[in-house]
Amino acid sequence: MAARIIVGLAVIAAIVQGLWPDLVPENILPLVIVVLGLVYGVMCLDAEDATGYLALAIAVGGAAATDVLGHIHVIGPHLDNIVDQISVALFGGVVAVLAIRTWNRIMPSDGD
């Protein structure tokens, strides 16, 4: 249930930031998107088995970086802006996976 709420909030924030970047003052919405990605990564991912999530983040990041949807007339650039924000949330989750996996490698386990 928490995962659906986090994803829903991230998608809404990405749509708002992608379509109306100046709607929320103080540029706070990109920060919210990153924090939602981090929270999702910590709460909803198994850092030791996140291959599918990491592949998705790379794919969406690549699509965002190439502005692939920009070739659709009229609405394409707006869709690209939304995908850019979604990739920010996904990369926030990637950073959470990195932090957790690093922590797991540094801290001794019970068997050591």
PDB file of N, CA and C in Angstrom:
ATOM      1  N   MET A   1       0.823  -1.193   0.000  1.00  0.00           N
ATOM      2  CA  MET A   1       0.000   0.000   0.000  1.00  0.00           C
ATOM      3  C   MET A   1       0.864   1.252   0.000  1.00  0.00           C
ATOM      4  N   ALA A   2       1.929   1.259   0.812  1.00  0.00           N
ATOM      5  CA  ALA A   2       2.808   2.427   0.869  1.00  0.00           C
ATOM      6  C   ALA A   2       3.471   2.666  -0.477  1.00  0.00           C
ATOM      7  N   ALA A   3       3.827   1.586  -1.175  1.00  0.00           N
ATOM      8  CA  ALA A   3       4.478   1.729  -2.475  1.00  0.00           C
ATOM      9  C   ALA A   3       3.554   2.430  -3.467  1.00  0.00           C
ATOM     10  N   ARG A   4       2.282   2.078  -3.455  1.00  0.00           N
ATOM     11  CA  ARG A   4       1.328   2.715  -4.375  1.00  0.00           C
ATOM     12  C   ARG A   4       1.158   4.193  -4.071  1.00  0.00           C
ATOM     13  N   ILE A   5       1.142   4.520  -2.806  1.00  0.00           N
ATOM     14  CA  ILE A   5       1.004   5.929  -2.420  1.00  0.00           C
ATOM     15  C   ILE A   5       2.233   6.716  -2.871  1.00  0.00           C
ATOM     16  N   ILE A   6       3.416   6.180  -2.617  1.00  0.00           N
ATOM     17  CA  ILE A   6       4.650   6.863  -3.003  1.00  0.00           C
ATOM     18  C   ILE A   6       4.717   7.035  -4.515  1.00  0.00           C
ATOM     19  N   VAL A   7       4.424   5.976  -5.255  1.00  0.00           N
ATOM     20  CA  VAL A   7       4.459   6.053  -6.716  1.00  0.00           C
ATOM     21  C   VAL A   7       3.410   7.048  -7.221  1.00  0.00           C
ATOM     22  N   GLY A   8       2.219   7.009  -6.650  1.00  0.00           N
ATOM     23  CA  GLY A   8       1.172   7.952  -7.056  1.00  0.00           C
ATOM     24  C   GLY A   8       1.571   9.393  -6.819  1.00  0.00           C
ATOM     25  N   LEU A   9       2.135   9.668  -5.646  1.00  0.00           N
ATOM     26  CA  LEU A   9       2.584  11.027  -5.350  1.00  0.00           C
ATOM     27  C   LEU A   9       3.712  11.455  -6.279  1.00  0.00           C
ATOM     28  N   ALA A  10       4.632  10.539  -6.568  1.00  0.00           N
ATOM     29  CA  ALA A  10       5.745  10.861  -7.466  1.00  0.00           C
ATOM     30  C   ALA A  10       5.243  11.160  -8.876  1.00  0.00           C
ATOM     31  N   VAL A  11       4.284  10.390  -9.345  1.00  0.00           N
ATOM     32  CA  VAL A  11       3.736  10.617 -10.689  1.00  0.00           C
ATOM     33  C   VAL A  11       2.995  11.955 -10.744  1.00  0.00           C
ATOM     34  N   ILE A  12       2.198  12.246  -9.739  1.00  0.00           N
ATOM     35  CA  ILE A  12       1.493  13.530  -9.707  1.00  0.00           C
ATOM     36  C   ILE A  12       2.492  14.685  -9.669  1.00  0.00           C
ATOM     37  N   ALA A  13       3.504  14.568  -8.824  1.00  0.00           N
ATOM     38  CA  ALA A  13       4.520  15.625  -8.727  1.00  0.00           C
ATOM     39  C   ALA A  13       5.270  15.766 -10.049  1.00  0.00           C
ATOM     40  N   ALA A  14       5.569  14.645 -10.712  1.00  0.00           N
ATOM     41  CA  ALA A  14       6.280  14.688 -11.994  1.00  0.00           C
ATOM     42  C   ALA A  14       5.426  15.353 -13.072  1.00  0.00           C
ATOM     43  N   ILE A  15       4.140  15.068 -13.079  1.00  0.00           N
ATOM     44  CA  ILE A  15       3.252  15.690 -14.062  1.00  0.00           C
ATOM     45  C   ILE A  15       3.171  17.189 -13.830  1.00  0.00           C
ATOM     46  N   VAL A  16       2.981  17.579 -12.587  1.00  0.00           N
ATOM     47  CA  VAL A  16       2.896  19.011 -12.273  1.00  0.00           C
ATOM     48  C   VAL A  16       4.201  19.710 -12.627  1.00  0.00           C
ATOM     49  N   GLN A  17       5.336  19.143 -12.208  1.00  0.00           N
ATOM     50  CA  GLN A  17       6.633  19.764 -12.487  1.00  0.00           C
ATOM     51  C   GLN A  17       6.936  19.745 -13.985  1.00  0.00           C
ATOM     52  N   GLY A  18       6.534  18.685 -14.671  1.00  0.00           N
ATOM     53  CA  GLY A  18       6.799  18.586 -16.103  1.00  0.00           C
ATOM     54  C   GLY A  18       5.981  19.557 -16.941  1.00  0.00           C
ATOM     55  N   LEU A  19       4.741  19.770 -16.537  1.00  0.00           N
ATOM     56  CA  LEU A  19       3.856  20.638 -17.326  1.00  0.00           C
ATOM     57  C   LEU A  19       3.881  22.089 -16.870  1.00  0.00           C
ATOM     58  N   TRP A  20       3.997  22.312 -15.577  1.00  0.00           N
ATOM     59  CA  TRP A  20       3.965  23.669 -15.020  1.00  0.00           C
ATOM     60  C   TRP A  20       5.123  23.829 -14.035  1.00  0.00           C
ATOM     61  N   PRO A  21       6.352  23.954 -14.518  1.00  0.00           N
ATOM     62  CA  PRO A  21       7.518  23.967 -13.624  1.00  0.00           C
ATOM     63  C   PRO A  21       7.538  25.131 -12.632  1.00  0.00           C
ATOM     64  N   ASP A  22       6.856  26.202 -12.920  1.00  0.00           N
ATOM     65  CA  ASP A  22       6.861  27.360 -12.016  1.00  0.00           C
ATOM     66  C   ASP A  22       5.633  27.419 -11.109  1.00  0.00           C
ATOM     67  N   LEU A  23       4.810  26.377 -11.138  1.00  0.00           N
ATOM     68  CA  LEU A  23       3.582  26.391 -10.347  1.00  0.00           C
ATOM     69  C   LEU A  23       3.865  26.371  -8.849  1.00  0.00           C
ATOM     70  N   VAL A  24       4.808  25.552  -8.427  1.00  0.00           N
ATOM     71  CA  VAL A  24       5.152  25.453  -7.005  1.00  0.00           C
ATOM     72  C   VAL A  24       6.352  26.364  -6.745  1.00  0.00           C
ATOM     73  N   PRO A  25       6.207  27.311  -5.826  1.00  0.00           N
ATOM     74  CA  PRO A  25       7.293  28.274  -5.592  1.00  0.00           C
ATOM     75  C   PRO A  25       8.520  27.640  -4.937  1.00  0.00           C
ATOM     76  N   GLU A  26       9.597  28.373  -4.991  1.00  0.00           N
ATOM     77  CA  GLU A  26      10.864  27.998  -4.354  1.00  0.00           C
ATOM     78  C   GLU A  26      11.464  26.725  -4.934  1.00  0.00           C
ATOM     79  N   ASN A  27      11.015  26.290  -6.102  1.00  0.00           N
ATOM     80  CA  ASN A  27      11.577  25.110  -6.764  1.00  0.00           C
ATOM     81  C   ASN A  27      11.601  23.894  -5.835  1.00  0.00           C
ATOM     82  N   ILE A  28      10.555  23.741  -5.037  1.00  0.00           N
ATOM     83  CA  ILE A  28      10.499  22.676  -4.034  1.00  0.00           C
ATOM     84  C   ILE A  28      10.064  21.330  -4.629  1.00  0.00           C
ATOM     85  N   LEU A  29       9.328  21.361  -5.732  1.00  0.00           N
ATOM     86  CA  LEU A  29       8.792  20.115  -6.273  1.00  0.00           C
ATOM     87  C   LEU A  29       9.887  19.146  -6.748  1.00  0.00           C
ATOM     88  N   PRO A  30      10.976  19.597  -7.387  1.00  0.00           N
ATOM     89  CA  PRO A  30      12.042  18.634  -7.714  1.00  0.00           C
ATOM     90  C   PRO A  30      12.632  17.964  -6.473  1.00  0.00           C
ATOM     91  N   LEU A  31      12.743  18.700  -5.385  1.00  0.00           N
ATOM     92  CA  LEU A  31      13.209  18.110  -4.133  1.00  0.00           C
ATOM     93  C   LEU A  31      12.237  17.047  -3.641  1.00  0.00           C
ATOM     94  N   VAL A  32      10.958  17.322  -3.727  1.00  0.00           N
ATOM     95  CA  VAL A  32       9.933  16.353  -3.319  1.00  0.00           C
ATOM     96  C   VAL A  32      10.043  15.090  -4.170  1.00  0.00           C
ATOM     97  N   ILE A  33      10.272  15.252  -5.460  1.00  0.00           N
ATOM     98  CA  ILE A  33      10.384  14.095  -6.356  1.00  0.00           C
ATOM     99  C   ILE A  33      11.590  13.236  -5.970  1.00  0.00           C
ATOM    100  N   VAL A  34      12.710  13.865  -5.693  1.00  0.00           N
ATOM    101  CA  VAL A  34      13.906  13.110  -5.281  1.00  0.00           C
ATOM    102  C   VAL A  34      13.659  12.393  -3.959  1.00  0.00           C
ATOM    103  N   VAL A  35      13.062  13.084  -2.998  1.00  0.00           N
ATOM    104  CA  VAL A  35      12.803  12.474  -1.683  1.00  0.00           C
ATOM    105  C   VAL A  35      11.842  11.300  -1.826  1.00  0.00           C
ATOM    106  N   LEU A  36      10.820  11.434  -2.665  1.00  0.00           N
ATOM    107  CA  LEU A  36       9.904  10.308  -2.892  1.00  0.00           C
ATOM    108  C   LEU A  36      10.654   9.124  -3.496  1.00  0.00           C
ATOM    109  N   GLY A  37      11.578   9.377  -4.413  1.00  0.00           N
ATOM    110  CA  GLY A  37      12.388   8.299  -4.979  1.00  0.00           C
ATOM    111  C   GLY A  37      13.255   7.630  -3.930  1.00  0.00           C
ATOM    112  N   LEU A  38      13.866   8.438  -3.067  1.00  0.00           N
ATOM    113  CA  LEU A  38      14.691   7.886  -1.988  1.00  0.00           C
ATOM    114  C   LEU A  38      13.855   7.045  -1.029  1.00  0.00           C
ATOM    115  N   VAL A  39      12.704   7.557  -0.641  1.00  0.00           N
ATOM    116  CA  VAL A  39      11.829   6.832   0.284  1.00  0.00           C
ATOM    117  C   VAL A  39      11.365   5.527  -0.341  1.00  0.00           C
ATOM    118  N   TYR A  40      11.001   5.568  -1.623  1.00  0.00           N
ATOM    119  CA  TYR A  40      10.589   4.349  -2.307  1.00  0.00           C
ATOM    120  C   TYR A  40      11.726   3.334  -2.306  1.00  0.00           C
ATOM    121  N   GLY A  41      12.938   3.796  -2.598  1.00  0.00           N
ATOM    122  CA  GLY A  41      14.087   2.899  -2.619  1.00  0.00           C
ATOM    123  C   GLY A  41      14.348   2.248  -1.279  1.00  0.00           C
ATOM    124  N   VAL A  42      14.194   3.003  -0.214  1.00  0.00           N
ATOM    125  CA  VAL A  42      14.445   2.471   1.132  1.00  0.00           C
ATOM    126  C   VAL A  42      13.326   1.539   1.578  1.00  0.00           C
ATOM    127  N   MET A  43      12.086   1.949   1.355  1.00  0.00           N
ATOM    128  CA  MET A  43      10.946   1.202   1.895  1.00  0.00           C
ATOM    129  C   MET A  43      10.490   0.032   1.026  1.00  0.00           C
ATOM    130  N   CYS A  44      10.638   0.143  -0.270  1.00  0.00           N
ATOM    131  CA  CYS A  44       9.952  -0.799  -1.155  1.00  0.00           C
ATOM    132  C   CYS A  44      10.862  -1.690  -1.989  1.00  0.00           C
ATOM    133  N   LEU A  45      12.166  -1.447  -1.935  1.00  0.00           N
ATOM    134  CA  LEU A  45      13.075  -2.252  -2.755  1.00  0.00           C
ATOM    135  C   LEU A  45      13.944  -3.139  -1.891  1.00  0.00           C
ATOM    136  N   ASP A  46      14.241  -4.316  -2.418  1.00  0.00           N
ATOM    137  CA  ASP A  46      15.242  -5.183  -1.812  1.00  0.00           C
ATOM    138  C   ASP A  46      16.571  -4.799  -2.451  1.00  0.00           C
ATOM    139  N   ALA A  47      17.407  -4.099  -1.716  1.00  0.00           N
ATOM    140  CA  ALA A  47      18.647  -3.564  -2.273  1.00  0.00           C
ATOM    141  C   ALA A  47      19.559  -4.661  -2.810  1.00  0.00           C
ATOM    142  N   GLU A  48      19.446  -5.843  -2.282  1.00  0.00           N
ATOM    143  CA  GLU A  48      20.296  -6.937  -2.740  1.00  0.00           C
ATOM    144  C   GLU A  48      19.758  -7.614  -3.993  1.00  0.00           C
ATOM    145  N   ASP A  49      18.531  -7.307  -4.377  1.00  0.00           N
ATOM    146  CA  ASP A  49      17.925  -7.903  -5.571  1.00  0.00           C
ATOM    147  C   ASP A  49      17.100  -6.844  -6.293  1.00  0.00           C
ATOM    148  N   ALA A  50      17.759  -5.808  -6.733  1.00  0.00           N
ATOM    149  CA  ALA A  50      17.063  -4.679  -7.358  1.00  0.00           C
ATOM    150  C   ALA A  50      17.365  -4.577  -8.848  1.00  0.00           C
ATOM    151  N   THR A  51      17.761  -5.674  -9.475  1.00  0.00           N
ATOM    152  CA  THR A  51      18.185  -5.649 -10.868  1.00  0.00           C
ATOM    153  C   THR A  51      17.089  -5.123 -11.792  1.00  0.00           C
ATOM    154  N   GLY A  52      15.876  -5.583 -11.628  1.00  0.00           N
ATOM    155  CA  GLY A  52      14.774  -5.123 -12.477  1.00  0.00           C
ATOM    156  C   GLY A  52      14.537  -3.629 -12.337  1.00  0.00           C
ATOM    157  N   TYR A  53      14.569  -3.152 -11.103  1.00  0.00           N
ATOM    158  CA  TYR A  53      14.364  -1.723 -10.856  1.00  0.00           C
ATOM    159  C   TYR A  53      15.505  -0.911 -11.469  1.00  0.00           C
ATOM    160  N   LEU A  54      16.732  -1.377 -11.296  1.00  0.00           N
ATOM    161  CA  LEU A  54      17.884  -0.656 -11.831  1.00  0.00           C
ATOM    162  C   LEU A  54      17.843  -0.614 -13.356  1.00  0.00           C
ATOM    163  N   ALA A  55      17.426  -1.710 -13.992  1.00  0.00           N
ATOM    164  CA  ALA A  55      17.303  -1.728 -15.454  1.00  0.00           C
ATOM    165  C   ALA A  55      16.222  -0.747 -15.914  1.00  0.00           C
ATOM    166  N   LEU A  56      15.117  -0.700 -15.201  1.00  0.00           N
ATOM    167  CA  LEU A  56      14.057   0.250 -15.533  1.00  0.00           C
ATOM    168  C   LEU A  56      14.545   1.684 -15.385  1.00  0.00           C
ATOM    169  N   ALA A  57      15.267   1.967 -14.321  1.00  0.00           N
ATOM    170  CA  ALA A  57      15.786   3.320 -14.105  1.00  0.00           C
ATOM    171  C   ALA A  57      16.733   3.725 -15.231  1.00  0.00           C
ATOM    172  N   ILE A  58      17.589   2.809 -15.663  1.00  0.00           N
ATOM    173  CA  ILE A  58      18.510   3.098 -16.767  1.00  0.00           C
ATOM    174  C   ILE A  58      17.732   3.359 -18.058  1.00  0.00           C
ATOM    175  N   ALA A  59      16.734   2.526 -18.332  1.00  0.00           N
ATOM    176  CA  ALA A  59      15.960   2.674 -19.560  1.00  0.00           C
ATOM    177  C   ALA A  59      15.184   3.992 -19.582  1.00  0.00           C
ATOM    178  N   VAL A  60      14.526   4.316 -18.494  1.00  0.00           N
ATOM    179  CA  VAL A  60      13.766   5.566 -18.435  1.00  0.00           C
ATOM    180  C   VAL A  60      14.710   6.758 -18.479  1.00  0.00           C
ATOM    181  N   GLY A  61      15.836   6.655 -17.792  1.00  0.00           N
ATOM    182  CA  GLY A  61      16.832   7.722 -17.839  1.00  0.00           C
ATOM    183  C   GLY A  61      17.357   7.949 -19.250  1.00  0.00           C
ATOM    184  N   GLY A  62      17.578   6.868 -19.973  1.00  0.00           N
ATOM    185  CA  GLY A  62      18.021   6.987 -21.360  1.00  0.00           C
ATOM    186  C   GLY A  62      16.963   7.617 -22.244  1.00  0.00           C
ATOM    187  N   ALA A  63      15.727   7.220 -22.057  1.00  0.00           N
ATOM    188  CA  ALA A  63      14.637   7.824 -22.829  1.00  0.00           C
ATOM    189  C   ALA A  63      14.497   9.306 -22.507  1.00  0.00           C
ATOM    190  N   ALA A  64      14.668   9.645 -21.236  1.00  0.00           N
ATOM    191  CA  ALA A  64      14.577  11.045 -20.837  1.00  0.00           C
ATOM    192  C   ALA A  64      15.740  11.853 -21.410  1.00  0.00           C
ATOM    193  N   ALA A  65      16.927  11.280 -21.392  1.00  0.00           N
ATOM    194  CA  ALA A  65      18.110  12.000 -21.868  1.00  0.00           C
ATOM    195  C   ALA A  65      18.062  12.262 -23.366  1.00  0.00           C
ATOM    196  N   THR A  66      17.439  11.378 -24.123  1.00  0.00           N
ATOM    197  CA  THR A  66      17.387  11.540 -25.579  1.00  0.00           C
ATOM    198  C   THR A  66      16.167  12.308 -26.048  1.00  0.00           C
ATOM    199  N   ASP A  67      15.293  12.675 -25.130  1.00  0.00           N
ATOM    200  CA  ASP A  67      14.061  13.403 -25.490  1.00  0.00           C
ATOM    201  C   ASP A  67      13.306  12.705 -26.625  1.00  0.00           C
ATOM    202  N   VAL A  68      13.160  11.412 -26.474  1.00  0.00           N
ATOM    203  CA  VAL A  68      12.571  10.589 -27.529  1.00  0.00           C
ATOM    204  C   VAL A  68      11.126  10.985 -27.842  1.00  0.00           C
ATOM    205  N   LEU A  69      10.379  11.425 -26.866  1.00  0.00           N
ATOM    206  CA  LEU A  69       8.984  11.780 -27.115  1.00  0.00           C
ATOM    207  C   LEU A  69       8.831  13.159 -27.752  1.00  0.00           C
ATOM    208  N   GLY A  70       9.904  13.912 -27.824  1.00  0.00           N
ATOM    209  CA  GLY A  70       9.864  15.232 -28.429  1.00  0.00           C
ATOM    210  C   GLY A  70       9.498  15.217 -29.898  1.00  0.00           C
ATOM    211  N   HIS A  71       9.567  14.048 -30.529  1.00  0.00           N
ATOM    212  CA  HIS A  71       9.231  13.938 -31.945  1.00  0.00           C
ATOM    213  C   HIS A  71       7.728  13.872 -32.190  1.00  0.00           C
ATOM    214  N   ILE A  72       6.961  13.743 -31.135  1.00  0.00           N
ATOM    215  CA  ILE A  72       5.499  13.765 -31.273  1.00  0.00           C
ATOM    216  C   ILE A  72       5.079  15.229 -31.323  1.00  0.00           C
ATOM    217  N   HIS A  73       4.390  15.596 -32.367  1.00  0.00           N
ATOM    218  CA  HIS A  73       4.008  16.998 -32.547  1.00  0.00           C
ATOM    219  C   HIS A  73       3.115  17.490 -31.418  1.00  0.00           C
ATOM    220  N   VAL A  74       3.289  18.699 -31.050  1.00  0.00           N
ATOM    221  CA  VAL A  74       2.529  19.476 -30.077  1.00  0.00           C
ATOM    222  C   VAL A  74       2.739  19.001 -28.640  1.00  0.00           C
ATOM    223  N   ILE A  75       2.430  17.759 -28.345  1.00  0.00           N
ATOM    224  CA  ILE A  75       2.455  17.299 -26.958  1.00  0.00           C
ATOM    225  C   ILE A  75       3.777  16.640 -26.564  1.00  0.00           C
ATOM    226  N   GLY A  76       4.609  16.277 -27.526  1.00  0.00           N
ATOM    227  CA  GLY A  76       5.841  15.558 -27.245  1.00  0.00           C
ATOM    228  C   GLY A  76       6.768  16.223 -26.242  1.00  0.00           C
ATOM    229  N   PRO A  77       7.075  17.511 -26.403  1.00  0.00           N
ATOM    230  CA  PRO A  77       7.961  18.147 -25.419  1.00  0.00           C
ATOM    231  C   PRO A  77       7.395  18.127 -23.997  1.00  0.00           C
ATOM    232  N   HIS A  78       6.094  18.217 -23.859  1.00  0.00           N
ATOM    233  CA  HIS A  78       5.476  18.156 -22.535  1.00  0.00           C
ATOM    234  C   HIS A  78       5.621  16.756 -21.939  1.00  0.00           C
ATOM    235  N   LEU A  79       5.440  15.742 -22.773  1.00  0.00           N
ATOM    236  CA  LEU A  79       5.622  14.368 -22.302  1.00  0.00           C
ATOM    237  C   LEU A  79       7.078  14.114 -21.914  1.00  0.00           C
ATOM    238  N   ASP A  80       8.007  14.675 -22.691  1.00  0.00           N
ATOM    239  CA  ASP A  80       9.424  14.549 -22.339  1.00  0.00           C
ATOM    240  C   ASP A  80       9.723  15.167 -20.980  1.00  0.00           C
ATOM    241  N   ASN A  81       9.121  16.306 -20.696  1.00  0.00           N
ATOM    242  CA  ASN A  81       9.335  16.945 -19.400  1.00  0.00           C
ATOM    243  C   ASN A  81       8.844  16.063 -18.256  1.00  0.00           C
ATOM    244  N   ILE A  82       7.728  15.387 -18.468  1.00  0.00           N
ATOM    245  CA  ILE A  82       7.200  14.488 -17.442  1.00  0.00           C
ATOM    246  C   ILE A  82       8.130  13.288 -17.258  1.00  0.00           C
ATOM    247  N   VAL A  83       8.597  12.705 -18.367  1.00  0.00           N
ATOM    248  CA  VAL A  83       9.511  11.558 -18.284  1.00  0.00           C
ATOM    249  C   VAL A  83      10.818  11.969 -17.602  1.00  0.00           C
ATOM    250  N   ASP A  84      11.276  13.196 -17.851  1.00  0.00           N
ATOM    251  CA  ASP A  84      12.471  13.692 -17.158  1.00  0.00           C
ATOM    252  C   ASP A  84      12.275  13.646 -15.646  1.00  0.00           C
ATOM    253  N   GLN A  85      11.127  14.080 -15.174  1.00  0.00           N
ATOM    254  CA  GLN A  85      10.863  14.107 -13.736  1.00  0.00           C
ATOM    255  C   GLN A  85      10.700  12.699 -13.163  1.00  0.00           C
ATOM    256  N   ILE A  86      10.084  11.803 -13.931  1.00  0.00           N
ATOM    257  CA  ILE A  86       9.964  10.404 -13.499  1.00  0.00           C
ATOM    258  C   ILE A  86      11.356   9.793 -13.349  1.00  0.00           C
ATOM    259  N   SER A  87      12.253  10.108 -14.283  1.00  0.00           N
ATOM    260  CA  SER A  87      13.608   9.560 -14.178  1.00  0.00           C
ATOM    261  C   SER A  87      14.326  10.098 -12.946  1.00  0.00           C
ATOM    262  N   VAL A  88      14.031  11.323 -12.541  1.00  0.00           N
ATOM    263  CA  VAL A  88      14.613  11.868 -11.314  1.00  0.00           C
ATOM    264  C   VAL A  88      14.174  11.026 -10.110  1.00  0.00           C
ATOM    265  N   ALA A  89      12.891  10.698 -10.053  1.00  0.00           N
ATOM    266  CA  ALA A  89      12.392   9.866  -8.955  1.00  0.00           C
ATOM    267  C   ALA A  89      13.040   8.478  -8.983  1.00  0.00           C
ATOM    268  N   LEU A  90      13.145   7.889 -10.166  1.00  0.00           N
ATOM    269  CA  LEU A  90      13.751   6.566 -10.276  1.00  0.00           C
ATOM    270  C   LEU A  90      15.220   6.592  -9.855  1.00  0.00           C
ATOM    271  N   PHE A  91      15.943   7.621 -10.263  1.00  0.00           N
ATOM    272  CA  PHE A  91      17.352   7.716  -9.883  1.00  0.00           C
ATOM    273  C   PHE A  91      17.507   7.992  -8.392  1.00  0.00           C
ATOM    274  N   GLY A  92      16.517   8.623  -7.768  1.00  0.00           N
ATOM    275  CA  GLY A  92      16.529   8.737  -6.307  1.00  0.00           C
ATOM    276  C   GLY A  92      16.499   7.364  -5.667  1.00  0.00           C
ATOM    277  N   GLY A  93      15.673   6.471  -6.201  1.00  0.00           N
ATOM    278  CA  GLY A  93      15.627   5.095  -5.708  1.00  0.00           C
ATOM    279  C   GLY A  93      16.940   4.363  -5.933  1.00  0.00           C
ATOM    280  N   VAL A  94      17.611   4.651  -7.053  1.00  0.00           N
ATOM    281  CA  VAL A  94      18.908   4.039  -7.335  1.00  0.00           C
ATOM    282  C   VAL A  94      19.925   4.454  -6.266  1.00  0.00           C
ATOM    283  N   VAL A  95      19.903   5.712  -5.884  1.00  0.00           N
ATOM    284  CA  VAL A  95      20.821   6.186  -4.845  1.00  0.00           C
ATOM    285  C   VAL A  95      20.529   5.484  -3.522  1.00  0.00           C
ATOM    286  N   ALA A  96      19.251   5.258  -3.219  1.00  0.00           N
ATOM    287  CA  ALA A  96      18.902   4.538  -1.994  1.00  0.00           C
ATOM    288  C   ALA A  96      19.436   3.113  -2.034  1.00  0.00           C
ATOM    289  N   VAL A  97      19.308   2.449  -3.186  1.00  0.00           N
ATOM    290  CA  VAL A  97      19.848   1.091  -3.331  1.00  0.00           C
ATOM    291  C   VAL A  97      21.359   1.114  -3.138  1.00  0.00           C
ATOM    292  N   LEU A  98      22.038   2.082  -3.728  1.00  0.00           N
ATOM    293  CA  LEU A  98      23.483   2.215  -3.558  1.00  0.00           C
ATOM    294  C   LEU A  98      23.858   2.384  -2.091  1.00  0.00           C
ATOM    295  N   ALA A  99      23.149   3.253  -1.400  1.00  0.00           N
ATOM    296  CA  ALA A  99      23.456   3.516   0.009  1.00  0.00           C
ATOM    297  C   ALA A  99      23.233   2.274   0.867  1.00  0.00           C
ATOM    298  N   ILE A 100      22.139   1.574   0.646  1.00  0.00           N
ATOM    299  CA  ILE A 100      21.837   0.378   1.440  1.00  0.00           C
ATOM    300  C   ILE A 100      22.845  -0.730   1.147  1.00  0.00           C
ATOM    301  N   ARG A 101      23.165  -0.928  -0.120  1.00  0.00           N
ATOM    302  CA  ARG A 101      24.136  -1.980  -0.453  1.00  0.00           C
ATOM    303  C   ARG A 101      25.514  -1.644   0.107  1.00  0.00           C
ATOM    304  N   THR A 102      25.892  -0.386   0.062  1.00  0.00           N
ATOM    305  CA  THR A 102      27.174   0.022   0.637  1.00  0.00           C
ATOM    306  C   THR A 102      27.180  -0.215   2.135  1.00  0.00           C
ATOM    307  N   TRP A 103      26.110   0.168   2.790  1.00  0.00           N
ATOM    308  CA  TRP A 103      25.976  -0.048   4.237  1.00  0.00           C
ATOM    309  C   TRP A 103      26.090  -1.537   4.565  1.00  0.00           C
ATOM    310  N   ASN A 104      25.410  -2.366   3.786  1.00  0.00           N
ATOM    311  CA  ASN A 104      25.445  -3.815   4.026  1.00  0.00           C
ATOM    312  C   ASN A 104      26.846  -4.392   3.843  1.00  0.00           C
ATOM    313  N   ARG A 105      27.652  -3.807   2.967  1.00  0.00           N
ATOM    314  CA  ARG A 105      29.003  -4.300   2.749  1.00  0.00           C
ATOM    315  C   ARG A 105      29.962  -3.828   3.848  1.00  0.00           C
ATOM    316  N   ILE A 106      29.731  -2.635   4.364  1.00  0.00           N
ATOM    317  CA  ILE A 106      30.631  -2.065   5.362  1.00  0.00           C
ATOM    318  C   ILE A 106      30.372  -2.640   6.756  1.00  0.00           C
ATOM    319  N   MET A 107      29.111  -2.745   7.128  1.00  0.00           N
ATOM    320  CA  MET A 107      28.766  -3.209   8.466  1.00  0.00           C
ATOM    321  C   MET A 107      28.866  -4.729   8.540  1.00  0.00           C
ATOM    322  N   PRO A 108      29.461  -5.244   9.615  1.00  0.00           N
ATOM    323  CA  PRO A 108      29.585  -6.695   9.747  1.00  0.00           C
ATOM    324  C   PRO A 108      28.209  -7.331   9.982  1.00  0.00           C
ATOM    325  N   SER A 109      28.033  -8.507   9.396  1.00  0.00           N
ATOM    326  CA  SER A 109      26.787  -9.226   9.630  1.00  0.00           C
ATOM    327  C   SER A 109      26.897 -10.023  10.924  1.00  0.00           C
ATOM    328  N   ASP A 110      25.799 -10.649  11.340  1.00  0.00           N
ATOM    329  CA  ASP A 110      25.778 -11.412  12.582  1.00  0.00           C
ATOM    330  C   ASP A 110      26.732 -12.614  12.531  1.00  0.00           C
ATOM    331  N   GLY A 111      26.965 -13.162  11.332  1.00  0.00           N
ATOM    332  CA  GLY A 111      27.805 -14.341  11.186  1.00  0.00           C
ATOM    333  C   GLY A 111      29.289 -14.040  11.151  1.00  0.00           C
ATOM    334  N   ASP A 112      29.679 -12.769  11.065  1.00  0.00           N
ATOM    335  CA  ASP A 112      31.104 -12.421  10.964  1.00  0.00           C
ATOM    336  C   ASP A 112      31.757 -12.275  12.305  1.00  0.00           C
TER     337      ASP A 112
END
